[in-house]
Full PDB file with SEQRES, HELIX, SHEET, SSBOND, CRYST1, ORIGX, SCALE, CONECT and MASTER records, all heavy atoms in Angstrom:
SEQRES   1 A   33  ARG PRO SER LEU HIS GLY ARG GLU PRO VAL PRO HIS LEU          
SEQRES   2 A   33  ARG ARG TYR ALA LEU GLU VAL PHE GLU ALA LEU ALA PRO          
SEQRES   3 A   33  SER LEU ALA ALA VAL LYS PHE                                  
HELIX    1 AA1 PRO A    2  LEU A    4  5                                   3    
HELIX    2 AA2 PRO A    9  LEU A   24  1                                  16    
HELIX    3 AA3 ALA A   25  SER A   27  5                                   3    
CRYST1    1.000    1.000    1.000  90.00  90.00  90.00 P 1           1          
ORIGX1      1.000000  0.000000  0.000000        0.00000                         
ORIGX2      0.000000  1.000000  0.000000        0.00000                         
ORIGX3      0.000000  0.000000  1.000000        0.00000                         
SCALE1      1.000000  0.000000  0.000000        0.00000                         
SCALE2      0.000000  1.000000  0.000000        0.00000                         
SCALE3      0.000000  0.000000  1.000000        0.00000                         
ATOM      1  N   ARG A   1      17.908  25.622  -7.374  1.00  0.00           N  
ATOM      2  CA  ARG A   1      16.931  24.864  -6.554  1.00  0.00           C  
ATOM      3  C   ARG A   1      17.486  24.779  -5.207  1.00  0.00           C  
ATOM      4  O   ARG A   1      18.309  23.963  -4.822  1.00  0.00           O  
ATOM      5  CB  ARG A   1      16.778  23.396  -7.113  1.00  0.00           C  
ATOM      6  CG  ARG A   1      16.475  23.312  -8.604  1.00  0.00           C  
ATOM      7  CD  ARG A   1      15.209  23.869  -9.018  1.00  0.00           C  
ATOM      8  NE  ARG A   1      14.998  23.837 -10.577  1.00  0.00           N  
ATOM      9  CZ  ARG A   1      14.031  23.320 -11.144  1.00  0.00           C  
ATOM     10  NH1 ARG A   1      13.020  22.710 -10.497  1.00  0.00           N  
ATOM     11  NH2 ARG A   1      13.869  23.372 -12.475  1.00  0.00           N  
ATOM     12  N   PRO A   2      16.948  25.633  -4.210  1.00  0.00           N  
ATOM     13  CA  PRO A   2      17.580  25.673  -2.900  1.00  0.00           C  
ATOM     14  C   PRO A   2      17.528  24.428  -2.163  1.00  0.00           C  
ATOM     15  O   PRO A   2      18.478  24.125  -1.366  1.00  0.00           O  
ATOM     16  CB  PRO A   2      16.686  26.761  -2.211  1.00  0.00           C  
ATOM     17  CG  PRO A   2      16.113  27.554  -3.309  1.00  0.00           C  
ATOM     18  CD  PRO A   2      15.992  26.608  -4.418  1.00  0.00           C  
ATOM     19  N   SER A   3      16.596  23.439  -2.469  1.00  0.00           N  
ATOM     20  CA  SER A   3      16.475  22.272  -1.752  1.00  0.00           C  
ATOM     21  C   SER A   3      17.635  21.291  -2.076  1.00  0.00           C  
ATOM     22  O   SER A   3      17.891  20.377  -1.263  1.00  0.00           O  
ATOM     23  CB  SER A   3      15.193  21.549  -2.103  1.00  0.00           C  
ATOM     24  OG  SER A   3      15.185  21.274  -3.530  1.00  0.00           O  
ATOM     25  N   LEU A   4      18.359  21.612  -3.035  1.00  0.00           N  
ATOM     26  CA  LEU A   4      19.529  20.781  -3.349  1.00  0.00           C  
ATOM     27  C   LEU A   4      20.847  21.230  -2.737  1.00  0.00           C  
ATOM     28  O   LEU A   4      21.927  20.648  -3.019  1.00  0.00           O  
ATOM     29  CB  LEU A   4      19.703  20.716  -4.852  1.00  0.00           C  
ATOM     30  CG  LEU A   4      18.601  20.131  -5.767  1.00  0.00           C  
ATOM     31  CD1 LEU A   4      18.803  20.173  -7.192  1.00  0.00           C  
ATOM     32  CD2 LEU A   4      18.264  18.613  -5.339  1.00  0.00           C  
ATOM     33  N   HIS A   5      20.813  22.337  -1.952  1.00  0.00           N  
ATOM     34  CA  HIS A   5      21.995  22.982  -1.472  1.00  0.00           C  
ATOM     35  C   HIS A   5      22.150  22.949   0.058  1.00  0.00           C  
ATOM     36  O   HIS A   5      22.809  23.902   0.628  1.00  0.00           O  
ATOM     37  CB  HIS A   5      22.009  24.420  -2.037  1.00  0.00           C  
ATOM     38  CG  HIS A   5      22.297  24.417  -3.523  1.00  0.00           C  
ATOM     39  ND1 HIS A   5      23.468  24.288  -4.091  1.00  0.00           N  
ATOM     40  CD2 HIS A   5      21.473  24.464  -4.554  1.00  0.00           C  
ATOM     41  CE1 HIS A   5      23.454  24.326  -5.450  1.00  0.00           C  
ATOM     42  NE2 HIS A   5      22.205  24.492  -5.742  1.00  0.00           N  
ATOM     43  N   GLY A   6      21.572  21.959   0.711  1.00  0.00           N  
ATOM     44  CA  GLY A   6      21.801  21.864   2.115  1.00  0.00           C  
ATOM     45  C   GLY A   6      21.129  22.904   3.102  1.00  0.00           C  
ATOM     46  O   GLY A   6      20.137  23.528   2.737  1.00  0.00           O  
ATOM     47  N   ARG A   7      21.654  22.913   4.230  1.00  0.00           N  
ATOM     48  CA  ARG A   7      20.981  23.760   5.254  1.00  0.00           C  
ATOM     49  C   ARG A   7      21.176  25.179   5.111  1.00  0.00           C  
ATOM     50  O   ARG A   7      20.384  26.096   5.632  1.00  0.00           O  
ATOM     51  CB  ARG A   7      21.581  23.359   6.639  1.00  0.00           C  
ATOM     52  CG  ARG A   7      21.273  21.794   7.019  1.00  0.00           C  
ATOM     53  CD  ARG A   7      21.934  21.398   8.286  1.00  0.00           C  
ATOM     54  NE  ARG A   7      21.393  21.965   9.396  1.00  0.00           N  
ATOM     55  CZ  ARG A   7      21.722  21.700  10.696  1.00  0.00           C  
ATOM     56  NH1 ARG A   7      22.757  20.887  10.860  1.00  0.00           N  
ATOM     57  NH2 ARG A   7      21.202  22.434  11.704  1.00  0.00           N  
ATOM     58  N   GLU A   8      22.202  25.633   4.426  1.00  0.00           N  
ATOM     59  CA  GLU A   8      22.444  26.988   4.146  1.00  0.00           C  
ATOM     60  C   GLU A   8      22.525  27.161   2.570  1.00  0.00           C  
ATOM     61  O   GLU A   8      23.511  27.276   2.012  1.00  0.00           O  
ATOM     62  CB  GLU A   8      23.726  27.593   4.804  1.00  0.00           C  
ATOM     63  CG  GLU A   8      23.531  27.523   6.298  1.00  0.00           C  
ATOM     64  CD  GLU A   8      24.890  28.175   6.936  1.00  0.00           C  
ATOM     65  OE1 GLU A   8      25.712  28.685   6.144  1.00  0.00           O  
ATOM     66  OE2 GLU A   8      24.931  28.226   8.131  1.00  0.00           O  
ATOM     67  N   PRO A   9      21.392  27.193   1.988  1.00  0.00           N  
ATOM     68  CA  PRO A   9      21.357  26.964   0.552  1.00  0.00           C  
ATOM     69  C   PRO A   9      22.061  28.159  -0.265  1.00  0.00           C  
ATOM     70  O   PRO A   9      22.677  27.851  -1.272  1.00  0.00           O  
ATOM     71  CB  PRO A   9      19.857  26.762   0.154  1.00  0.00           C  
ATOM     72  CG  PRO A   9      19.121  27.420   1.326  1.00  0.00           C  
ATOM     73  CD  PRO A   9      19.928  27.200   2.510  1.00  0.00           C  
ATOM     74  N   VAL A  10      21.760  29.350   0.074  1.00  0.00           N  
ATOM     75  CA  VAL A  10      22.238  30.521  -0.736  1.00  0.00           C  
ATOM     76  C   VAL A  10      23.809  30.538  -0.719  1.00  0.00           C  
ATOM     77  O   VAL A  10      24.359  30.697  -1.809  1.00  0.00           O  
ATOM     78  CB  VAL A  10      21.608  31.816  -0.252  1.00  0.00           C  
ATOM     79  CG1 VAL A  10      22.321  33.001  -0.989  1.00  0.00           C  
ATOM     80  CG2 VAL A  10      20.092  31.817  -0.566  1.00  0.00           C  
ATOM     81  N   PRO A  11      24.477  30.493   0.424  1.00  0.00           N  
ATOM     82  CA  PRO A  11      25.987  30.440   0.337  1.00  0.00           C  
ATOM     83  C   PRO A  11      26.520  29.296  -0.507  1.00  0.00           C  
ATOM     84  O   PRO A  11      27.431  29.463  -1.180  1.00  0.00           O  
ATOM     85  CB  PRO A  11      26.362  30.329   1.822  1.00  0.00           C  
ATOM     86  CG  PRO A  11      25.181  30.965   2.591  1.00  0.00           C  
ATOM     87  CD  PRO A  11      23.994  30.541   1.835  1.00  0.00           C  
ATOM     88  N   HIS A  12      25.906  28.101  -0.185  1.00  0.00           N  
ATOM     89  CA  HIS A  12      26.434  26.944  -0.978  1.00  0.00           C  
ATOM     90  C   HIS A  12      26.113  27.163  -2.541  1.00  0.00           C  
ATOM     91  O   HIS A  12      26.922  26.751  -3.384  1.00  0.00           O  
ATOM     92  CB  HIS A  12      25.738  25.696  -0.512  1.00  0.00           C  
ATOM     93  CG  HIS A  12      26.184  24.372  -1.147  1.00  0.00           C  
ATOM     94  ND1 HIS A  12      25.673  23.926  -2.380  1.00  0.00           N  
ATOM     95  CD2 HIS A  12      27.193  23.544  -0.836  1.00  0.00           C  
ATOM     96  CE1 HIS A  12      26.299  22.800  -2.622  1.00  0.00           C  
ATOM     97  NE2 HIS A  12      27.178  22.602  -1.765  1.00  0.00           N  
ATOM     98  N   LEU A  13      24.920  27.654  -2.825  1.00  0.00           N  
ATOM     99  CA  LEU A  13      24.545  27.895  -4.250  1.00  0.00           C  
ATOM    100  C   LEU A  13      25.602  28.835  -4.876  1.00  0.00           C  
ATOM    101  O   LEU A  13      25.986  28.739  -6.084  1.00  0.00           O  
ATOM    102  CB  LEU A  13      23.101  28.406  -4.318  1.00  0.00           C  
ATOM    103  CG  LEU A  13      22.549  28.826  -5.689  1.00  0.00           C  
ATOM    104  CD1 LEU A  13      22.727  27.662  -6.732  1.00  0.00           C  
ATOM    105  CD2 LEU A  13      21.220  29.300  -5.538  1.00  0.00           C  
ATOM    106  N   ARG A  14      25.889  29.846  -4.103  1.00  0.00           N  
ATOM    107  CA  ARG A  14      26.829  30.914  -4.657  1.00  0.00           C  
ATOM    108  C   ARG A  14      28.152  30.304  -4.966  1.00  0.00           C  
ATOM    109  O   ARG A  14      28.723  30.530  -6.090  1.00  0.00           O  
ATOM    110  CB  ARG A  14      26.974  32.009  -3.569  1.00  0.00           C  
ATOM    111  CG  ARG A  14      28.015  33.094  -4.021  1.00  0.00           C  
ATOM    112  CD  ARG A  14      28.212  34.117  -2.914  1.00  0.00           C  
ATOM    113  NE  ARG A  14      27.088  34.856  -2.455  1.00  0.00           N  
ATOM    114  CZ  ARG A  14      26.378  34.683  -1.439  1.00  0.00           C  
ATOM    115  NH1 ARG A  14      26.831  33.776  -0.513  1.00  0.00           N  
ATOM    116  NH2 ARG A  14      25.308  35.359  -1.170  1.00  0.00           N  
ATOM    117  N   ARG A  15      28.738  29.517  -4.047  1.00  0.00           N  
ATOM    118  CA  ARG A  15      29.939  28.848  -4.330  1.00  0.00           C  
ATOM    119  C   ARG A  15      29.934  27.941  -5.452  1.00  0.00           C  
ATOM    120  O   ARG A  15      30.855  27.868  -6.234  1.00  0.00           O  
ATOM    121  CB  ARG A  15      30.456  28.138  -2.974  1.00  0.00           C  
ATOM    122  CG  ARG A  15      30.873  29.033  -1.831  1.00  0.00           C  
ATOM    123  CD  ARG A  15      31.540  28.246  -0.730  1.00  0.00           C  
ATOM    124  NE  ARG A  15      30.723  27.073  -0.186  1.00  0.00           N  
ATOM    125  CZ  ARG A  15      29.914  27.273   0.832  1.00  0.00           C  
ATOM    126  NH1 ARG A  15      29.690  28.410   1.382  1.00  0.00           N  
ATOM    127  NH2 ARG A  15      29.187  26.246   1.249  1.00  0.00           N  
ATOM    128  N   TYR A  16      28.939  27.161  -5.461  1.00  0.00           N  
ATOM    129  CA  TYR A  16      28.812  26.055  -6.518  1.00  0.00           C  
ATOM    130  C   TYR A  16      28.659  26.752  -7.909  1.00  0.00           C  
ATOM    131  O   TYR A  16      29.344  26.368  -8.871  1.00  0.00           O  
ATOM    132  CB  TYR A  16      27.603  25.261  -6.316  1.00  0.00           C  
ATOM    133  CG  TYR A  16      27.306  24.194  -7.406  1.00  0.00           C  
ATOM    134  CD1 TYR A  16      28.179  23.178  -7.639  1.00  0.00           C  
ATOM    135  CD2 TYR A  16      26.220  24.245  -8.142  1.00  0.00           C  
ATOM    136  CE1 TYR A  16      27.989  22.325  -8.676  1.00  0.00           C  
ATOM    137  CE2 TYR A  16      25.953  23.454  -9.264  1.00  0.00           C  
ATOM    138  CZ  TYR A  16      26.851  22.388  -9.461  1.00  0.00           C  
ATOM    139  OH  TYR A  16      26.610  21.388 -10.483  1.00  0.00           O  
ATOM    140  N   ALA A  17      27.804  27.720  -8.007  1.00  0.00           N  
ATOM    141  CA  ALA A  17      27.621  28.418  -9.276  1.00  0.00           C  
ATOM    142  C   ALA A  17      28.867  29.035  -9.817  1.00  0.00           C  
ATOM    143  O   ALA A  17      29.256  28.897 -10.985  1.00  0.00           O  
ATOM    144  CB  ALA A  17      26.534  29.473  -9.192  1.00  0.00           C  
ATOM    145  N   LEU A  18      29.620  29.729  -8.939  1.00  0.00           N  
ATOM    146  CA  LEU A  18      30.932  30.381  -9.323  1.00  0.00           C  
ATOM    147  C   LEU A  18      31.861  29.343  -9.720  1.00  0.00           C  
ATOM    148  O   LEU A  18      32.669  29.558 -10.663  1.00  0.00           O  
ATOM    149  CB  LEU A  18      31.399  31.288  -8.185  1.00  0.00           C  
ATOM    150  CG  LEU A  18      30.539  32.571  -7.946  1.00  0.00           C  
ATOM    151  CD1 LEU A  18      31.060  33.294  -6.774  1.00  0.00           C  
ATOM    152  CD2 LEU A  18      30.480  33.466  -9.208  1.00  0.00           C  
ATOM    153  N   GLU A  19      31.933  28.198  -9.017  1.00  0.00           N  
ATOM    154  CA  GLU A  19      32.907  27.157  -9.389  1.00  0.00           C  
ATOM    155  C   GLU A  19      32.485  26.585 -10.809  1.00  0.00           C  
ATOM    156  O   GLU A  19      33.386  26.304 -11.657  1.00  0.00           O  
ATOM    157  CB  GLU A  19      32.783  26.032  -8.377  1.00  0.00           C  
ATOM    158  CG  GLU A  19      33.377  26.334  -7.088  1.00  0.00           C  
ATOM    159  CD  GLU A  19      33.217  25.243  -6.041  1.00  0.00           C  
ATOM    160  OE1 GLU A  19      32.430  24.349  -6.251  1.00  0.00           O  
ATOM    161  OE2 GLU A  19      33.867  25.405  -4.893  1.00  0.00           O  
ATOM    162  N   VAL A  20      31.169  26.376 -11.049  1.00  0.00           N  
ATOM    163  CA  VAL A  20      30.818  25.883 -12.439  1.00  0.00           C  
ATOM    164  C   VAL A  20      31.140  26.891 -13.539  1.00  0.00           C  
ATOM    165  O   VAL A  20      31.610  26.518 -14.526  1.00  0.00           O  
ATOM    166  CB  VAL A  20      29.280  25.569 -12.396  1.00  0.00           C  
ATOM    167  CG1 VAL A  20      28.752  25.202 -13.791  1.00  0.00           C  
ATOM    168  CG2 VAL A  20      28.978  24.421 -11.365  1.00  0.00           C  
ATOM    169  N   PHE A  21      30.859  28.140 -13.217  1.00  0.00           N  
ATOM    170  CA  PHE A  21      31.183  29.239 -14.249  1.00  0.00           C  
ATOM    171  C   PHE A  21      32.709  29.143 -14.582  1.00  0.00           C  
ATOM    172  O   PHE A  21      33.049  29.140 -15.733  1.00  0.00           O  
ATOM    173  CB  PHE A  21      30.909  30.691 -13.755  1.00  0.00           C  
ATOM    174  CG  PHE A  21      29.448  30.873 -13.389  1.00  0.00           C  
ATOM    175  CD1 PHE A  21      29.097  32.069 -12.903  1.00  0.00           C  
ATOM    176  CD2 PHE A  21      28.515  29.942 -13.796  1.00  0.00           C  
ATOM    177  CE1 PHE A  21      27.781  32.375 -12.581  1.00  0.00           C  
ATOM    178  CE2 PHE A  21      27.116  30.240 -13.523  1.00  0.00           C  
ATOM    179  CZ  PHE A  21      26.797  31.427 -12.854  1.00  0.00           C  
ATOM    180  N   GLU A  22      33.538  29.072 -13.593  1.00  0.00           N  
ATOM    181  CA  GLU A  22      34.930  29.094 -13.780  1.00  0.00           C  
ATOM    182  C   GLU A  22      35.455  27.809 -14.554  1.00  0.00           C  
ATOM    183  O   GLU A  22      36.234  27.871 -15.439  1.00  0.00           O  
ATOM    184  CB  GLU A  22      35.717  29.175 -12.471  1.00  0.00           C  
ATOM    185  CG  GLU A  22      37.201  29.316 -12.575  1.00  0.00           C  
ATOM    186  CD  GLU A  22      37.865  29.530 -11.285  1.00  0.00           C  
ATOM    187  OE1 GLU A  22      37.267  29.451 -10.227  1.00  0.00           O  
ATOM    188  OE2 GLU A  22      39.168  29.930 -11.313  1.00  0.00           O  
ATOM    189  N   ALA A  23      34.904  26.672 -14.159  1.00  0.00           N  
ATOM    190  CA  ALA A  23      35.268  25.409 -14.710  1.00  0.00           C  
ATOM    191  C   ALA A  23      34.847  25.339 -16.261  1.00  0.00           C  
ATOM    192  O   ALA A  23      35.466  24.772 -17.079  1.00  0.00           O  
ATOM    193  CB  ALA A  23      34.744  24.255 -13.991  1.00  0.00           C  
ATOM    194  N   LEU A  24      33.632  25.871 -16.576  1.00  0.00           N  
ATOM    195  CA  LEU A  24      33.014  25.644 -17.787  1.00  0.00           C  
ATOM    196  C   LEU A  24      33.204  26.832 -18.777  1.00  0.00           C  
ATOM    197  O   LEU A  24      32.880  26.792 -19.952  1.00  0.00           O  
ATOM    198  CB  LEU A  24      31.566  25.404 -17.695  1.00  0.00           C  
ATOM    199  CG  LEU A  24      31.042  24.214 -16.922  1.00  0.00           C  
ATOM    200  CD1 LEU A  24      29.555  23.957 -17.110  1.00  0.00           C  
ATOM    201  CD2 LEU A  24      31.882  22.922 -17.280  1.00  0.00           C  
ATOM    202  N   ALA A  25      33.762  27.921 -18.274  1.00  0.00           N  
ATOM    203  CA  ALA A  25      33.911  29.132 -19.020  1.00  0.00           C  
ATOM    204  C   ALA A  25      34.423  28.954 -20.478  1.00  0.00           C  
ATOM    205  O   ALA A  25      33.821  29.576 -21.457  1.00  0.00           O  
ATOM    206  CB  ALA A  25      34.724  30.261 -18.281  1.00  0.00           C  
ATOM    207  N   PRO A  26      35.514  28.137 -20.674  1.00  0.00           N  
ATOM    208  CA  PRO A  26      36.084  28.023 -22.034  1.00  0.00           C  
ATOM    209  C   PRO A  26      35.061  27.301 -22.970  1.00  0.00           C  
ATOM    210  O   PRO A  26      35.233  27.343 -24.207  1.00  0.00           O  
ATOM    211  CB  PRO A  26      37.292  27.190 -21.829  1.00  0.00           C  
ATOM    212  CG  PRO A  26      37.684  27.364 -20.371  1.00  0.00           C  
ATOM    213  CD  PRO A  26      36.414  27.486 -19.617  1.00  0.00           C  
ATOM    214  N   SER A  27      34.068  26.608 -22.340  1.00  0.00           N  
ATOM    215  CA  SER A  27      33.129  25.767 -23.143  1.00  0.00           C  
ATOM    216  C   SER A  27      31.834  26.452 -23.432  1.00  0.00           C  
ATOM    217  O   SER A  27      30.951  25.884 -24.118  1.00  0.00           O  
ATOM    218  CB  SER A  27      32.879  24.479 -22.429  1.00  0.00           C  
ATOM    219  OG  SER A  27      34.057  23.775 -22.155  1.00  0.00           O  
ATOM    220  N   LEU A  28      31.603  27.653 -22.946  1.00  0.00           N  
ATOM    221  CA  LEU A  28      30.320  28.385 -22.913  1.00  0.00           C  
ATOM    222  C   LEU A  28      30.259  29.619 -23.851  1.00  0.00           C  
ATOM    223  O   LEU A  28      31.202  30.339 -23.911  1.00  0.00           O  
ATOM    224  CB  LEU A  28      29.983  28.778 -21.600  1.00  0.00           C  
ATOM    225  CG  LEU A  28      29.797  27.643 -20.569  1.00  0.00           C  
ATOM    226  CD1 LEU A  28      29.457  28.195 -19.160  1.00  0.00           C  
ATOM    227  CD2 LEU A  28      28.674  26.644 -20.939  1.00  0.00           C  
ATOM    228  N   ALA A  29      29.134  29.792 -24.510  1.00  0.00           N  
ATOM    229  CA  ALA A  29      28.833  30.984 -25.095  1.00  0.00           C  
ATOM    230  C   ALA A  29      28.338  32.001 -24.174  1.00  0.00           C  
ATOM    231  O   ALA A  29      28.606  33.227 -24.332  1.00  0.00           O  
ATOM    232  CB  ALA A  29      27.780  30.760 -26.266  1.00  0.00           C  
ATOM    233  N   ALA A  30      27.550  31.685 -23.162  1.00  0.00           N  
ATOM    234  CA  ALA A  30      26.904  32.555 -22.243  1.00  0.00           C  
ATOM    235  C   ALA A  30      26.402  31.815 -21.099  1.00  0.00           C  
ATOM    236  O   ALA A  30      26.282  30.608 -21.034  1.00  0.00           O  
ATOM    237  CB  ALA A  30      25.726  33.270 -22.979  1.00  0.00           C  
ATOM    238  N   VAL A  31      25.978  32.550 -20.061  1.00  0.00           N  
ATOM    239  CA  VAL A  31      25.228  32.013 -18.922  1.00  0.00           C  
ATOM    240  C   VAL A  31      23.816  32.606 -18.936  1.00  0.00           C  
ATOM    241  O   VAL A  31      23.686  33.822 -19.050  1.00  0.00           O  
ATOM    242  CB  VAL A  31      25.951  32.271 -17.600  1.00  0.00           C  
ATOM    243  CG1 VAL A  31      25.175  31.811 -16.419  1.00  0.00           C  
ATOM    244  CG2 VAL A  31      27.343  31.731 -17.517  1.00  0.00           C  
ATOM    245  N   LYS A  32      22.841  31.798 -18.783  1.00  0.00           N  
ATOM    246  CA  LYS A  32      21.407  32.313 -18.753  1.00  0.00           C  
ATOM    247  C   LYS A  32      20.892  32.097 -17.377  1.00  0.00           C  
ATOM    248  O   LYS A  32      20.783  30.920 -16.896  1.00  0.00           O  
ATOM    249  CB  LYS A  32      20.576  31.410 -19.783  1.00  0.00           C  
ATOM    250  CG  LYS A  32      19.171  31.875 -19.879  1.00  0.00           C  
ATOM    251  CD  LYS A  32      18.394  31.109 -20.980  1.00  0.00           C  
ATOM    252  CE  LYS A  32      18.185  29.688 -20.773  1.00  0.00           C  
ATOM    253  NZ  LYS A  32      17.061  29.426 -19.696  1.00  0.00           N  
ATOM    254  N   PHE A  33      20.392  33.161 -16.884  1.00  0.00           N  
ATOM    255  CA  PHE A  33      19.814  33.146 -15.481  1.00  0.00           C  
ATOM    256  C   PHE A  33      18.200  33.106 -15.639  1.00  0.00           C  
ATOM    257  O   PHE A  33      17.633  34.120 -16.231  1.00  0.00           O  
ATOM    258  CB  PHE A  33      20.218  34.337 -14.639  1.00  0.00           C  
ATOM    259  CG  PHE A  33      21.702  34.393 -14.330  1.00  0.00           C  
ATOM    260  CD1 PHE A  33      22.574  35.082 -15.168  1.00  0.00           C  
ATOM    261  CD2 PHE A  33      22.223  33.562 -13.335  1.00  0.00           C  
ATOM    262  CE1 PHE A  33      23.889  35.167 -14.931  1.00  0.00           C  
ATOM    263  CE2 PHE A  33      23.597  33.597 -13.071  1.00  0.00           C  
ATOM    264  CZ  PHE A  33      24.471  34.398 -13.888  1.00  0.00           C  
TER     265      PHE A  33                                                      
MASTER        0    0    0    3    0    0    0    6  264    1    0    3          
END                                                                             
């Protein structure tokens, strides 16, 4: 949801998503896009 990621949503979304993947990786079966 770009509206949740500030004035430059795509760069922020990229950083946030990768941080979430890394933090949750041991707890996940998969990522669904």
